[in-house]
Amino acid sequence: MPPFLDGQSSVNVTLFFTPGGILSLDSINQIFMFTGPFTLIWTDLSLAWNKSLHDVHVISIDPTPIWIPEIFLLNAEGNTRISLPSHPSVYVTHNGTVVMVMRDKFRTICVTDAFDFPFDEQNCELNLIPVEAFVNLSATLTRNPVLSSILMKKSEWVLKNVTNKNIYIDGFEIKSVTLTLKRQSLFYVLSIIIPMALTSIMNAFVFILPADSGEKVSFLVSIFVSHAVFLNFVYDIMPRTSTRVPKIMIYLICILLQSFLSLLAVITTLRIRNNKVQGDHKRVSTVVDQTVGDCSTGMSKMKDRLHNLDSQKLDSILFVVSLFIAILNTIVLIT
């Protein structure tokens, strides 16, 4: 039997929510799991007593025989009803105030936007509504910095802010609590961004390698393969339902494109150099038949120096351009 007060057709219930620990935020499946006590407070005069006759102010009771408000968590993953834990804490004061504390793990649906990954912030909502229409629910947020710092110490996410608002849909009032979470990005910076930035800069150094070493193409192919591995790793941790393509994916694609263009430039310059060398050898051999051997040898060395000078100049220009592109891509990603 609902504990209606005299002359009232509704029961006022106050809900206190204290964010505890963030267990996980699965960006792929869009599932947010957290812990935190929900405290419900209402008045039931049938449970009141005269404290002057009994020197007792607060008692703990079994919640089975009394009326308890039921709350729906609308965006819960699975069962939307906030069910009572096996051993809820229910306390009653002498004036009939009932306080029930429910501690449990909760799973909700949280649509994430990974555009700024791994420097992103996510807003996860808890939409609460009473089951009975006569329940007048009011939600209040409380924060315990000490508890949050202990429980969130080993979490990937940090609770940045908590806000609440009322949403009205078809005459129903929904209490919406928004938790703003910020990702701790140090792990991803050290394991993904820094290695990718270094390999991106290494693309430019292929133009410093001597052409006669024969390692330019194999060097670029090795870098290209490492970028493909990183792209596959990032793809596995990105949500499939993101409304925007993450910047880190665009960054990886730009690096792959840079590697491809560097490989194309190296192959082209090597081809042009080899054609010039072959042409010079033919001309030098013709001159050798018509002139003195010492003069032909000097002419051959002079032409080789001129061609090497042209190749070094072109490689220097390509090195500067490639290095500038690599640094620019990294700056755009982290800003």
C-alpha atoms as a PDB file:
ATOM      1  CA  MET A   1       0.000   0.000   0.000  1.00  0.00           C
ATOM      2  CA  PRO A   2       1.558   3.331  -1.035  1.00  0.00           C
ATOM      3  CA  PRO A   3       2.055   5.676   1.929  1.00  0.00           C
ATOM      4  CA  PHE A   4      -0.124   8.591   0.811  1.00  0.00           C
ATOM      5  CA  LEU A   5      -0.084  11.524   3.196  1.00  0.00           C
ATOM      6  CA  ASP A   6      -3.345  13.165   4.230  1.00  0.00           C
ATOM      7  CA  GLY A   7      -5.028  14.887   1.285  1.00  0.00           C
ATOM      8  CA  GLN A   8      -2.371  13.877  -1.239  1.00  0.00           C
ATOM      9  CA  SER A   9      -2.634  11.556  -4.217  1.00  0.00           C
ATOM     10  CA  SER A  10       1.106  11.232  -4.823  1.00  0.00           C
ATOM     11  CA  VAL A  11       4.181  10.100  -2.957  1.00  0.00           C
ATOM     12  CA  ASN A  12       7.267  12.305  -2.979  1.00  0.00           C
ATOM     13  CA  VAL A  13      10.441  10.311  -3.479  1.00  0.00           C
ATOM     14  CA  THR A  14      13.916  11.836  -3.511  1.00  0.00           C
ATOM     15  CA  LEU A  15      16.697  10.012  -5.301  1.00  0.00           C
ATOM     16  CA  PHE A  16      20.328  10.691  -4.437  1.00  0.00           C
ATOM     17  CA  PHE A  17      22.934   9.367  -6.830  1.00  0.00           C
ATOM     18  CA  THR A  18      26.637   9.296  -5.930  1.00  0.00           C
ATOM     19  CA  PRO A  19      28.967   8.268  -8.801  1.00  0.00           C
ATOM     20  CA  GLY A  20      31.368   5.663  -7.512  1.00  0.00           C
ATOM     21  CA  GLY A  21      33.637   3.798  -9.905  1.00  0.00           C
ATOM     22  CA  ILE A  22      33.744   3.568 -13.684  1.00  0.00           C
ATOM     23  CA  LEU A  23      34.224  -0.091 -14.485  1.00  0.00           C
ATOM     24  CA  SER A  24      34.354   0.201 -18.256  1.00  0.00           C
ATOM     25  CA  LEU A  25      33.122   2.057 -21.310  1.00  0.00           C
ATOM     26  CA  ASP A  26      33.021  -0.344 -24.239  1.00  0.00           C
ATOM     27  CA  SER A  27      33.311   1.944 -27.268  1.00  0.00           C
ATOM     28  CA  ILE A  28      32.720  -0.908 -29.708  1.00  0.00           C
ATOM     29  CA  ASN A  29      29.501  -2.261 -28.147  1.00  0.00           C
ATOM     30  CA  GLN A  30      28.469   1.141 -26.697  1.00  0.00           C
ATOM     31  CA  ILE A  31      28.066  -0.258 -23.154  1.00  0.00           C
ATOM     32  CA  PHE A  32      28.835   1.801 -20.054  1.00  0.00           C
ATOM     33  CA  MET A  33      29.348  -0.078 -16.770  1.00  0.00           C
ATOM     34  CA  PHE A  34      29.666   1.736 -13.460  1.00  0.00           C
ATOM     35  CA  THR A  35      29.085   1.409  -9.739  1.00  0.00           C
ATOM     36  CA  GLY A  36      27.494   3.846  -7.367  1.00  0.00           C
ATOM     37  CA  PRO A  37      24.864   3.896  -4.632  1.00  0.00           C
ATOM     38  CA  PHE A  38      21.294   4.960  -5.416  1.00  0.00           C
ATOM     39  CA  THR A  39      19.622   6.325  -2.278  1.00  0.00           C
ATOM     40  CA  LEU A  40      15.807   6.609  -2.173  1.00  0.00           C
ATOM     41  CA  ILE A  41      14.107   8.663   0.532  1.00  0.00           C
ATOM     42  CA  TRP A  42      10.364   8.927   1.178  1.00  0.00           C
ATOM     43  CA  THR A  43       7.979   9.262   4.110  1.00  0.00           C
ATOM     44  CA  ASP A  44       5.782   6.460   5.476  1.00  0.00           C
ATOM     45  CA  LEU A  45       3.883   7.633   8.594  1.00  0.00           C
ATOM     46  CA  SER A  46       2.730   4.096   9.320  1.00  0.00           C
ATOM     47  CA  LEU A  47       6.325   3.313  10.329  1.00  0.00           C
ATOM     48  CA  ALA A  48       6.712   6.324  12.677  1.00  0.00           C
ATOM     49  CA  TRP A  49       6.886   6.049  16.472  1.00  0.00           C
ATOM     50  CA  ASN A  50       7.053   8.307  19.478  1.00  0.00           C
ATOM     51  CA  LYS A  51      10.703   8.745  20.316  1.00  0.00           C
ATOM     52  CA  SER A  52       9.833  10.059  23.775  1.00  0.00           C
ATOM     53  CA  LEU A  53       8.460   6.629  24.655  1.00  0.00           C
ATOM     54  CA  HIS A  54      11.244   4.746  22.958  1.00  0.00           C
ATOM     55  CA  ASP A  55      14.778   6.036  23.161  1.00  0.00           C
ATOM     56  CA  VAL A  56      15.425   4.996  19.541  1.00  0.00           C
ATOM     57  CA  HIS A  57      15.882   7.392  16.651  1.00  0.00           C
ATOM     58  CA  VAL A  58      16.818   5.137  13.704  1.00  0.00           C
ATOM     59  CA  ILE A  59      16.259   1.447  13.048  1.00  0.00           C
ATOM     60  CA  SER A  60      17.206  -0.948  10.238  1.00  0.00           C
ATOM     61  CA  ILE A  61      14.350  -3.105   8.914  1.00  0.00           C
ATOM     62  CA  ASP A  62      13.605  -5.814   6.383  1.00  0.00           C
ATOM     63  CA  PRO A  63      12.189  -4.146   3.245  1.00  0.00           C
ATOM     64  CA  THR A  64       9.943  -7.086   2.331  1.00  0.00           C
ATOM     65  CA  PRO A  65       6.716  -6.045   4.159  1.00  0.00           C
ATOM     66  CA  ILE A  66       6.839  -2.321   3.324  1.00  0.00           C
ATOM     67  CA  TRP A  67       6.061  -0.368   0.160  1.00  0.00           C
ATOM     68  CA  ILE A  68       9.150   0.451  -1.907  1.00  0.00           C
ATOM     69  CA  PRO A  69       9.160   2.714  -4.989  1.00  0.00           C
ATOM     70  CA  GLU A  70      10.287   1.060  -8.202  1.00  0.00           C
ATOM     71  CA  ILE A  71      12.491   2.934 -10.651  1.00  0.00           C
ATOM     72  CA  PHE A  72      13.142   2.284 -14.333  1.00  0.00           C
ATOM     73  CA  LEU A  73      16.564   2.974 -15.836  1.00  0.00           C
ATOM     74  CA  LEU A  74      15.297   3.500 -19.373  1.00  0.00           C
ATOM     75  CA  ASN A  75      18.606   3.227 -21.225  1.00  0.00           C
ATOM     76  CA  ALA A  76      19.828   0.220 -19.263  1.00  0.00           C
ATOM     77  CA  GLU A  77      21.429  -2.627 -21.176  1.00  0.00           C
ATOM     78  CA  GLY A  78      19.162  -5.591 -20.476  1.00  0.00           C
ATOM     79  CA  ASN A  79      16.678  -5.287 -17.618  1.00  0.00           C
ATOM     80  CA  THR A  80      15.552  -1.650 -17.283  1.00  0.00           C
ATOM     81  CA  ARG A  81      14.121  -2.058 -13.778  1.00  0.00           C
ATOM     82  CA  ILE A  82      16.513  -1.090 -10.989  1.00  0.00           C
ATOM     83  CA  SER A  83      16.113  -4.248  -8.948  1.00  0.00           C
ATOM     84  CA  LEU A  84      16.764  -4.552  -5.258  1.00  0.00           C
ATOM     85  CA  PRO A  85      20.088  -6.110  -4.331  1.00  0.00           C
ATOM     86  CA  SER A  86      20.057  -9.254  -2.225  1.00  0.00           C
ATOM     87  CA  HIS A  87      20.745  -7.303   0.982  1.00  0.00           C
ATOM     88  CA  PRO A  88      19.527  -3.703   0.633  1.00  0.00           C
ATOM     89  CA  SER A  89      20.117  -1.221   3.419  1.00  0.00           C
ATOM     90  CA  VAL A  90      16.785   0.192   4.632  1.00  0.00           C
ATOM     91  CA  TYR A  91      16.625   2.572   7.589  1.00  0.00           C
ATOM     92  CA  VAL A  92      13.608   4.220   9.188  1.00  0.00           C
ATOM     93  CA  THR A  93      13.685   7.278  11.437  1.00  0.00           C
ATOM     94  CA  HIS A  94      11.207   8.010  14.253  1.00  0.00           C
ATOM     95  CA  ASN A  95       9.219  10.461  12.086  1.00  0.00           C
ATOM     96  CA  GLY A  96       8.584   7.856   9.348  1.00  0.00           C
ATOM     97  CA  THR A  97      11.359   8.838   6.931  1.00  0.00           C
ATOM     98  CA  VAL A  98      12.534   5.774   5.027  1.00  0.00           C
ATOM     99  CA  VAL A  99      16.051   5.697   3.572  1.00  0.00           C
ATOM    100  CA  MET A 100      16.993   2.854   1.239  1.00  0.00           C
ATOM    101  CA  VAL A 101      20.509   2.526  -0.201  1.00  0.00           C
ATOM    102  CA  MET A 102      21.043   0.293  -3.241  1.00  0.00           C
ATOM    103  CA  ARG A 103      24.620  -0.544  -4.174  1.00  0.00           C
ATOM    104  CA  ASP A 104      25.142  -2.511  -7.362  1.00  0.00           C
ATOM    105  CA  LYS A 105      26.797  -2.642 -10.788  1.00  0.00           C
ATOM    106  CA  PHE A 106      24.811  -0.932 -13.533  1.00  0.00           C
ATOM    107  CA  ARG A 107      25.059  -1.318 -17.317  1.00  0.00           C
ATOM    108  CA  THR A 108      23.664   1.339 -19.634  1.00  0.00           C
ATOM    109  CA  ILE A 109      23.784   2.117 -23.334  1.00  0.00           C
ATOM    110  CA  CYS A 110      26.128   5.013 -24.065  1.00  0.00           C
ATOM    111  CA  VAL A 111      26.513   6.228 -27.655  1.00  0.00           C
ATOM    112  CA  THR A 112      30.110   7.370 -28.073  1.00  0.00           C
ATOM    113  CA  ASP A 113      31.768   9.723 -30.526  1.00  0.00           C
ATOM    114  CA  ALA A 114      35.399   8.726 -31.111  1.00  0.00           C
ATOM    115  CA  PHE A 115      36.310  11.617 -33.418  1.00  0.00           C
ATOM    116  CA  ASP A 116      38.947  12.981 -30.983  1.00  0.00           C
ATOM    117  CA  PHE A 117      40.245   9.565 -29.865  1.00  0.00           C
ATOM    118  CA  PRO A 118      42.339   9.199 -27.718  1.00  0.00           C
ATOM    119  CA  PHE A 119      41.762  12.747 -26.407  1.00  0.00           C
ATOM    120  CA  ASP A 120      37.983  12.358 -26.397  1.00  0.00           C
ATOM    121  CA  GLU A 121      35.275  13.088 -23.852  1.00  0.00           C
ATOM    122  CA  GLN A 122      32.051  11.092 -23.695  1.00  0.00           C
ATOM    123  CA  ASN A 123      28.654  11.970 -22.236  1.00  0.00           C
ATOM    124  CA  CYS A 124      26.776   8.988 -20.814  1.00  0.00           C
ATOM    125  CA  GLU A 125      23.207   9.485 -19.627  1.00  0.00           C
ATOM    126  CA  LEU A 126      21.132   7.743 -16.971  1.00  0.00           C
ATOM    127  CA  ASN A 127      17.438   8.203 -17.732  1.00  0.00           C
ATOM    128  CA  LEU A 128      15.307   7.482 -14.649  1.00  0.00           C
ATOM    129  CA  ILE A 129      11.516   7.277 -14.363  1.00  0.00           C
ATOM    130  CA  PRO A 130       9.270   5.817 -11.624  1.00  0.00           C
ATOM    131  CA  VAL A 131       7.158   2.772 -12.437  1.00  0.00           C
ATOM    132  CA  GLU A 132       4.076   4.039 -10.567  1.00  0.00           C
ATOM    133  CA  ALA A 133       2.480   7.149 -12.008  1.00  0.00           C
ATOM    134  CA  PHE A 134       1.658   8.536  -8.561  1.00  0.00           C
ATOM    135  CA  VAL A 135       5.321   8.746  -7.560  1.00  0.00           C
ATOM    136  CA  ASN A 136       6.746  12.258  -7.724  1.00  0.00           C
ATOM    137  CA  LEU A 137      10.478  11.653  -8.243  1.00  0.00           C
ATOM    138  CA  SER A 138      13.143  14.288  -7.693  1.00  0.00           C
ATOM    139  CA  ALA A 139      16.807  13.522  -8.410  1.00  0.00           C
ATOM    140  CA  THR A 140      19.769  15.024  -6.561  1.00  0.00           C
ATOM    141  CA  LEU A 141      23.421  14.470  -7.359  1.00  0.00           C
ATOM    142  CA  THR A 142      26.103  14.099  -4.740  1.00  0.00           C
ATOM    143  CA  ARG A 143      29.826  13.615  -5.240  1.00  0.00           C
ATOM    144  CA  ASN A 144      32.379  12.062  -2.957  1.00  0.00           C
ATOM    145  CA  PRO A 145      35.840  13.084  -4.236  1.00  0.00           C
ATOM    146  CA  VAL A 146      37.647  10.704  -1.899  1.00  0.00           C
ATOM    147  CA  LEU A 147      35.538   7.699  -2.966  1.00  0.00           C
ATOM    148  CA  SER A 148      35.797   8.628  -6.646  1.00  0.00           C
ATOM    149  CA  SER A 149      39.578   9.037  -6.510  1.00  0.00           C
ATOM    150  CA  ILE A 150      39.955   5.587  -4.936  1.00  0.00           C
ATOM    151  CA  LEU A 151      37.568   3.721  -7.229  1.00  0.00           C
ATOM    152  CA  MET A 152      38.636   5.461 -10.453  1.00  0.00           C
ATOM    153  CA  LYS A 153      42.371   5.239  -9.833  1.00  0.00           C
ATOM    154  CA  LYS A 154      42.830   2.243 -12.147  1.00  0.00           C
ATOM    155  CA  SER A 155      40.139   3.172 -14.644  1.00  0.00           C
ATOM    156  CA  GLU A 156      40.749   4.281 -18.211  1.00  0.00           C
ATOM    157  CA  TRP A 157      38.213   7.066 -17.693  1.00  0.00           C
ATOM    158  CA  VAL A 158      38.031  10.013 -15.319  1.00  0.00           C
ATOM    159  CA  LEU A 159      34.729  11.518 -14.178  1.00  0.00           C
ATOM    160  CA  LYS A 160      34.939  15.152 -15.223  1.00  0.00           C
ATOM    161  CA  ASN A 161      31.437  16.435 -14.480  1.00  0.00           C
ATOM    162  CA  VAL A 162      27.939  15.327 -13.450  1.00  0.00           C
ATOM    163  CA  THR A 163      24.764  17.223 -14.362  1.00  0.00           C
ATOM    164  CA  ASN A 164      21.041  16.500 -14.266  1.00  0.00           C
ATOM    165  CA  LYS A 165      17.997  17.780 -16.121  1.00  0.00           C
ATOM    166  CA  ASN A 166      14.333  16.993 -16.657  1.00  0.00           C
ATOM    167  CA  ILE A 167      13.048  15.628 -19.958  1.00  0.00           C
ATOM    168  CA  TYR A 168       9.330  15.655 -20.805  1.00  0.00           C
ATOM    169  CA  ILE A 169       8.031  13.123 -23.336  1.00  0.00           C
ATOM    170  CA  ASP A 170       4.261  12.746 -23.903  1.00  0.00           C
ATOM    171  CA  GLY A 171       3.488  14.139 -20.469  1.00  0.00           C
ATOM    172  CA  PHE A 172       5.982  11.900 -18.668  1.00  0.00           C
ATOM    173  CA  GLU A 173       8.818  13.465 -16.724  1.00  0.00           C
ATOM    174  CA  ILE A 174      12.167  11.717 -17.034  1.00  0.00           C
ATOM    175  CA  LYS A 175      15.076  12.491 -14.750  1.00  0.00           C
ATOM    176  CA  SER A 176      18.251  12.505 -16.844  1.00  0.00           C
ATOM    177  CA  VAL A 177      21.693  12.357 -15.208  1.00  0.00           C
ATOM    178  CA  THR A 178      24.659  13.046 -17.510  1.00  0.00           C
ATOM    179  CA  LEU A 179      28.140  11.830 -16.633  1.00  0.00           C
ATOM    180  CA  THR A 180      30.948  13.507 -18.571  1.00  0.00           C
ATOM    181  CA  LEU A 181      33.935  11.176 -18.882  1.00  0.00           C
ATOM    182  CA  LYS A 182      37.431  12.022 -20.086  1.00  0.00           C
ATOM    183  CA  ARG A 183      39.731   9.311 -21.393  1.00  0.00           C
ATOM    184  CA  GLN A 184      43.216   8.964 -19.907  1.00  0.00           C
ATOM    185  CA  SER A 185      45.209   9.071 -23.121  1.00  0.00           C
ATOM    186  CA  LEU A 186      48.787   8.465 -21.937  1.00  0.00           C
ATOM    187  CA  PHE A 187      48.745   4.758 -22.855  1.00  0.00           C
ATOM    188  CA  TYR A 188      47.539   5.454 -26.397  1.00  0.00           C
ATOM    189  CA  VAL A 189      50.017   8.307 -26.864  1.00  0.00           C
ATOM    190  CA  LEU A 190      52.937   6.063 -25.916  1.00  0.00           C
ATOM    191  CA  SER A 191      51.772   2.937 -27.757  1.00  0.00           C
ATOM    192  CA  ILE A 192      50.195   4.397 -30.916  1.00  0.00           C
ATOM    193  CA  ILE A 193      50.717   8.086 -31.603  1.00  0.00           C
ATOM    194  CA  ILE A 194      54.452   8.383 -30.838  1.00  0.00           C
ATOM    195  CA  PRO A 195      55.416   5.235 -32.847  1.00  0.00           C
ATOM    196  CA  MET A 196      53.241   6.388 -35.755  1.00  0.00           C
ATOM    197  CA  ALA A 197      54.749   9.885 -35.671  1.00  0.00           C
ATOM    198  CA  LEU A 198      58.287   8.468 -35.633  1.00  0.00           C
ATOM    199  CA  THR A 199      57.648   6.099 -38.532  1.00  0.00           C
ATOM    200  CA  SER A 200      56.001   8.965 -40.408  1.00  0.00           C
ATOM    201  CA  ILE A 201      59.135  11.083 -39.958  1.00  0.00           C
ATOM    202  CA  MET A 202      61.257   8.085 -41.008  1.00  0.00           C
ATOM    203  CA  ASN A 203      59.584   8.258 -44.428  1.00  0.00           C
ATOM    204  CA  ALA A 204      61.489  11.462 -45.078  1.00  0.00           C
ATOM    205  CA  PHE A 205      64.882   9.966 -44.247  1.00  0.00           C
ATOM    206  CA  VAL A 206      64.661   7.571 -47.185  1.00  0.00           C
ATOM    207  CA  PHE A 207      65.716  10.484 -49.406  1.00  0.00           C
ATOM    208  CA  ILE A 208      68.995  10.810 -47.436  1.00  0.00           C
ATOM    209  CA  LEU A 209      70.002   7.221 -48.119  1.00  0.00           C
ATOM    210  CA  PRO A 210      72.543   6.889 -50.962  1.00  0.00           C
ATOM    211  CA  ALA A 211      70.997   5.626 -54.167  1.00  0.00           C
ATOM    212  CA  ASP A 212      73.838   3.135 -54.606  1.00  0.00           C
ATOM    213  CA  SER A 213      72.976   1.420 -51.283  1.00  0.00           C
ATOM    214  CA  GLY A 214      70.038  -0.385 -52.866  1.00  0.00           C
ATOM    215  CA  GLU A 215      68.008  -0.167 -49.637  1.00  0.00           C
ATOM    216  CA  LYS A 216      65.634   2.682 -50.411  1.00  0.00           C
ATOM    217  CA  VAL A 217      62.696   0.629 -51.659  1.00  0.00           C
ATOM    218  CA  SER A 218      62.982  -2.077 -48.988  1.00  0.00           C
ATOM    219  CA  PHE A 219      63.208   0.644 -46.300  1.00  0.00           C
ATOM    220  CA  LEU A 220      59.932   2.223 -47.443  1.00  0.00           C
ATOM    221  CA  VAL A 221      58.162  -1.116 -47.806  1.00  0.00           C
ATOM    222  CA  SER A 222      59.032  -1.972 -44.190  1.00  0.00           C
ATOM    223  CA  ILE A 223      57.571   1.341 -42.979  1.00  0.00           C
ATOM    224  CA  PHE A 224      54.463   0.841 -45.113  1.00  0.00           C
ATOM    225  CA  VAL A 225      53.849  -2.577 -43.546  1.00  0.00           C
ATOM    226  CA  SER A 226      54.227  -1.178 -40.010  1.00  0.00           C
ATOM    227  CA  HIS A 227      51.641   1.524 -40.789  1.00  0.00           C
ATOM    228  CA  ALA A 228      49.239  -1.125 -42.056  1.00  0.00           C
ATOM    229  CA  VAL A 229      49.628  -3.020 -38.760  1.00  0.00           C
ATOM    230  CA  PHE A 230      48.866   0.139 -36.765  1.00  0.00           C
ATOM    231  CA  LEU A 231      45.818   0.834 -38.933  1.00  0.00           C
ATOM    232  CA  ASN A 232      44.471  -2.652 -38.249  1.00  0.00           C
ATOM    233  CA  PHE A 233      45.048  -2.227 -34.495  1.00  0.00           C
ATOM    234  CA  VAL A 234      43.233   1.123 -34.370  1.00  0.00           C
ATOM    235  CA  TYR A 235      40.361  -0.283 -36.448  1.00  0.00           C
ATOM    236  CA  ASP A 236      39.826  -3.047 -33.866  1.00  0.00           C
ATOM    237  CA  ILE A 237      39.339  -0.586 -30.982  1.00  0.00           C
ATOM    238  CA  MET A 238      37.181   1.954 -32.813  1.00  0.00           C
ATOM    239  CA  PRO A 239      33.351   1.881 -32.541  1.00  0.00           C
ATOM    240  CA  ARG A 240      31.539   0.826 -35.695  1.00  0.00           C
ATOM    241  CA  THR A 241      28.645   3.240 -35.057  1.00  0.00           C
ATOM    242  CA  SER A 242      30.615   6.470 -34.669  1.00  0.00           C
ATOM    243  CA  THR A 243      28.909   9.367 -36.445  1.00  0.00           C
ATOM    244  CA  ARG A 244      32.271  10.744 -37.611  1.00  0.00           C
ATOM    245  CA  VAL A 245      35.488   9.156 -38.784  1.00  0.00           C
ATOM    246  CA  PRO A 246      38.080   9.433 -35.969  1.00  0.00           C
ATOM    247  CA  LYS A 247      40.955  11.808 -36.602  1.00  0.00           C
ATOM    248  CA  ILE A 248      43.470   9.087 -35.783  1.00  0.00           C
ATOM    249  CA  MET A 249      42.107   6.964 -38.652  1.00  0.00           C
ATOM    250  CA  ILE A 250      42.455   9.913 -41.030  1.00  0.00           C
ATOM    251  CA  TYR A 251      45.970  10.449 -39.678  1.00  0.00           C
ATOM    252  CA  LEU A 252      46.922   6.828 -40.376  1.00  0.00           C
ATOM    253  CA  ILE A 253      45.490   6.979 -43.878  1.00  0.00           C
ATOM    254  CA  CYS A 254      47.482  10.175 -44.524  1.00  0.00           C
ATOM    255  CA  ILE A 255      50.648   8.413 -43.328  1.00  0.00           C
ATOM    256  CA  LEU A 256      49.928   5.469 -45.641  1.00  0.00           C
ATOM    257  CA  LEU A 257      49.408   7.927 -48.492  1.00  0.00           C
ATOM    258  CA  GLN A 258      52.681   9.652 -47.577  1.00  0.00           C
ATOM    259  CA  SER A 259      54.505   6.301 -47.637  1.00  0.00           C
ATOM    260  CA  PHE A 260      52.979   5.484 -51.014  1.00  0.00           C
ATOM    261  CA  LEU A 261      53.969   8.853 -52.493  1.00  0.00           C
ATOM    262  CA  SER A 262      57.482   8.532 -51.034  1.00  0.00           C
ATOM    263  CA  LEU A 263      57.809   5.073 -52.590  1.00  0.00           C
ATOM    264  CA  LEU A 264      56.567   6.428 -55.916  1.00  0.00           C
ATOM    265  CA  ALA A 265      59.046   9.346 -55.745  1.00  0.00           C
ATOM    266  CA  VAL A 266      61.964   7.043 -54.902  1.00  0.00           C
ATOM    267  CA  ILE A 267      61.167   4.651 -57.747  1.00  0.00           C
ATOM    268  CA  THR A 268      60.811   7.562 -60.178  1.00  0.00           C
ATOM    269  CA  THR A 269      64.083   9.232 -59.157  1.00  0.00           C
ATOM    270  CA  LEU A 270      65.966   5.931 -59.302  1.00  0.00           C
ATOM    271  CA  ARG A 271      64.550   5.266 -62.749  1.00  0.00           C
ATOM    272  CA  ILE A 272      65.571   8.719 -64.019  1.00  0.00           C
ATOM    273  CA  ARG A 273      69.039   8.353 -62.499  1.00  0.00           C
ATOM    274  CA  ASN A 274      69.601   4.952 -64.070  1.00  0.00           C
ATOM    275  CA  ASN A 275      68.470   6.237 -67.485  1.00  0.00           C
ATOM    276  CA  LYS A 276      70.931   9.134 -67.229  1.00  0.00           C
ATOM    277  CA  VAL A 277      73.769   6.866 -66.172  1.00  0.00           C
ATOM    278  CA  GLN A 278      73.107   4.485 -69.059  1.00  0.00           C
ATOM    279  CA  GLY A 279      72.935   7.381 -71.512  1.00  0.00           C
ATOM    280  CA  ASP A 280      76.181   8.838 -70.211  1.00  0.00           C
ATOM    281  CA  HIS A 281      77.947   5.501 -70.518  1.00  0.00           C
ATOM    282  CA  LYS A 282      76.908   5.266 -74.139  1.00  0.00           C
ATOM    283  CA  ARG A 283      78.115   8.776 -74.908  1.00  0.00           C
ATOM    284  CA  VAL A 284      81.352   8.256 -73.020  1.00  0.00           C
ATOM    285  CA  SER A 285      82.064   5.015 -74.867  1.00  0.00           C
ATOM    286  CA  THR A 286      81.617   6.860 -78.198  1.00  0.00           C
ATOM    287  CA  VAL A 287      84.001   9.585 -77.100  1.00  0.00           C
ATOM    288  CA  VAL A 288      86.525   6.983 -75.981  1.00  0.00           C
ATOM    289  CA  ASP A 289      86.758   5.652 -79.534  1.00  0.00           C
ATOM    290  CA  GLN A 290      87.481   9.148 -80.885  1.00  0.00           C
ATOM    291  CA  THR A 291      89.641  10.823 -78.210  1.00  0.00           C
ATOM    292  CA  VAL A 292      92.465  10.092 -75.867  1.00  0.00           C
ATOM    293  CA  GLY A 293      91.735   7.769 -72.929  1.00  0.00           C
ATOM    294  CA  ASP A 294      92.735  10.278 -70.259  1.00  0.00           C
ATOM    295  CA  CYS A 295      90.378  12.952 -71.600  1.00  0.00           C
ATOM    296  CA  SER A 296      87.453  10.517 -71.766  1.00  0.00           C
ATOM    297  CA  THR A 297      88.068   9.408 -68.205  1.00  0.00           C
ATOM    298  CA  GLY A 298      88.029  13.012 -66.966  1.00  0.00           C
ATOM    299  CA  MET A 299      84.832  13.735 -68.895  1.00  0.00           C
ATOM    300  CA  SER A 300      83.147  10.664 -67.420  1.00  0.00           C
ATOM    301  CA  LYS A 301      84.016  11.672 -63.851  1.00  0.00           C
ATOM    302  CA  MET A 302      82.776  15.228 -64.447  1.00  0.00           C
ATOM    303  CA  LYS A 303      79.409  14.057 -65.747  1.00  0.00           C
ATOM    304  CA  ASP A 304      79.008  11.634 -62.812  1.00  0.00           C
ATOM    305  CA  ARG A 305      79.629  14.476 -60.363  1.00  0.00           C
ATOM    306  CA  LEU A 306      77.071  16.685 -62.100  1.00  0.00           C
ATOM    307  CA  HIS A 307      74.446  13.941 -62.072  1.00  0.00           C
ATOM    308  CA  ASN A 308      75.130  13.131 -58.416  1.00  0.00           C
ATOM    309  CA  LEU A 309      74.785  16.815 -57.590  1.00  0.00           C
ATOM    310  CA  ASP A 310      71.390  16.987 -59.333  1.00  0.00           C
ATOM    311  CA  SER A 311      70.201  13.833 -57.550  1.00  0.00           C
ATOM    312  CA  GLN A 312      71.312  15.140 -54.153  1.00  0.00           C
ATOM    313  CA  LYS A 313      69.506  18.427 -54.743  1.00  0.00           C
ATOM    314  CA  LEU A 314      66.271  16.629 -55.682  1.00  0.00           C
ATOM    315  CA  ASP A 315      66.556  14.270 -52.699  1.00  0.00           C
ATOM    316  CA  SER A 316      67.080  17.242 -50.366  1.00  0.00           C
ATOM    317  CA  ILE A 317      63.926  18.924 -51.661  1.00  0.00           C
ATOM    318  CA  LEU A 318      61.893  15.731 -51.285  1.00  0.00           C
ATOM    319  CA  PHE A 319      63.302  15.206 -47.776  1.00  0.00           C
ATOM    320  CA  VAL A 320      62.194  18.674 -46.625  1.00  0.00           C
ATOM    321  CA  VAL A 321      58.734  18.295 -48.168  1.00  0.00           C
ATOM    322  CA  SER A 322      58.167  14.833 -46.679  1.00  0.00           C
ATOM    323  CA  LEU A 323      59.400  15.930 -43.236  1.00  0.00           C
ATOM    324  CA  PHE A 324      57.125  18.971 -43.302  1.00  0.00           C
ATOM    325  CA  ILE A 325      54.091  16.835 -44.189  1.00  0.00           C
ATOM    326  CA  ALA A 326      54.857  14.358 -41.377  1.00  0.00           C
ATOM    327  CA  ILE A 327      55.178  17.107 -38.748  1.00  0.00           C
ATOM    328  CA  LEU A 328      52.060  18.896 -40.015  1.00  0.00           C
ATOM    329  CA  ASN A 329      49.951  15.701 -39.838  1.00  0.00           C
ATOM    330  CA  THR A 330      51.049  15.066 -36.235  1.00  0.00           C
ATOM    331  CA  ILE A 331      50.285  18.648 -35.160  1.00  0.00           C
ATOM    332  CA  VAL A 332      46.806  18.460 -36.701  1.00  0.00           C
ATOM    333  CA  LEU A 333      46.113  15.182 -34.856  1.00  0.00           C
ATOM    334  CA  ILE A 334      47.030  16.396 -31.355  1.00  0.00           C
ATOM    335  CA  THR A 335      45.310  19.784 -31.646  1.00  0.00           C
END
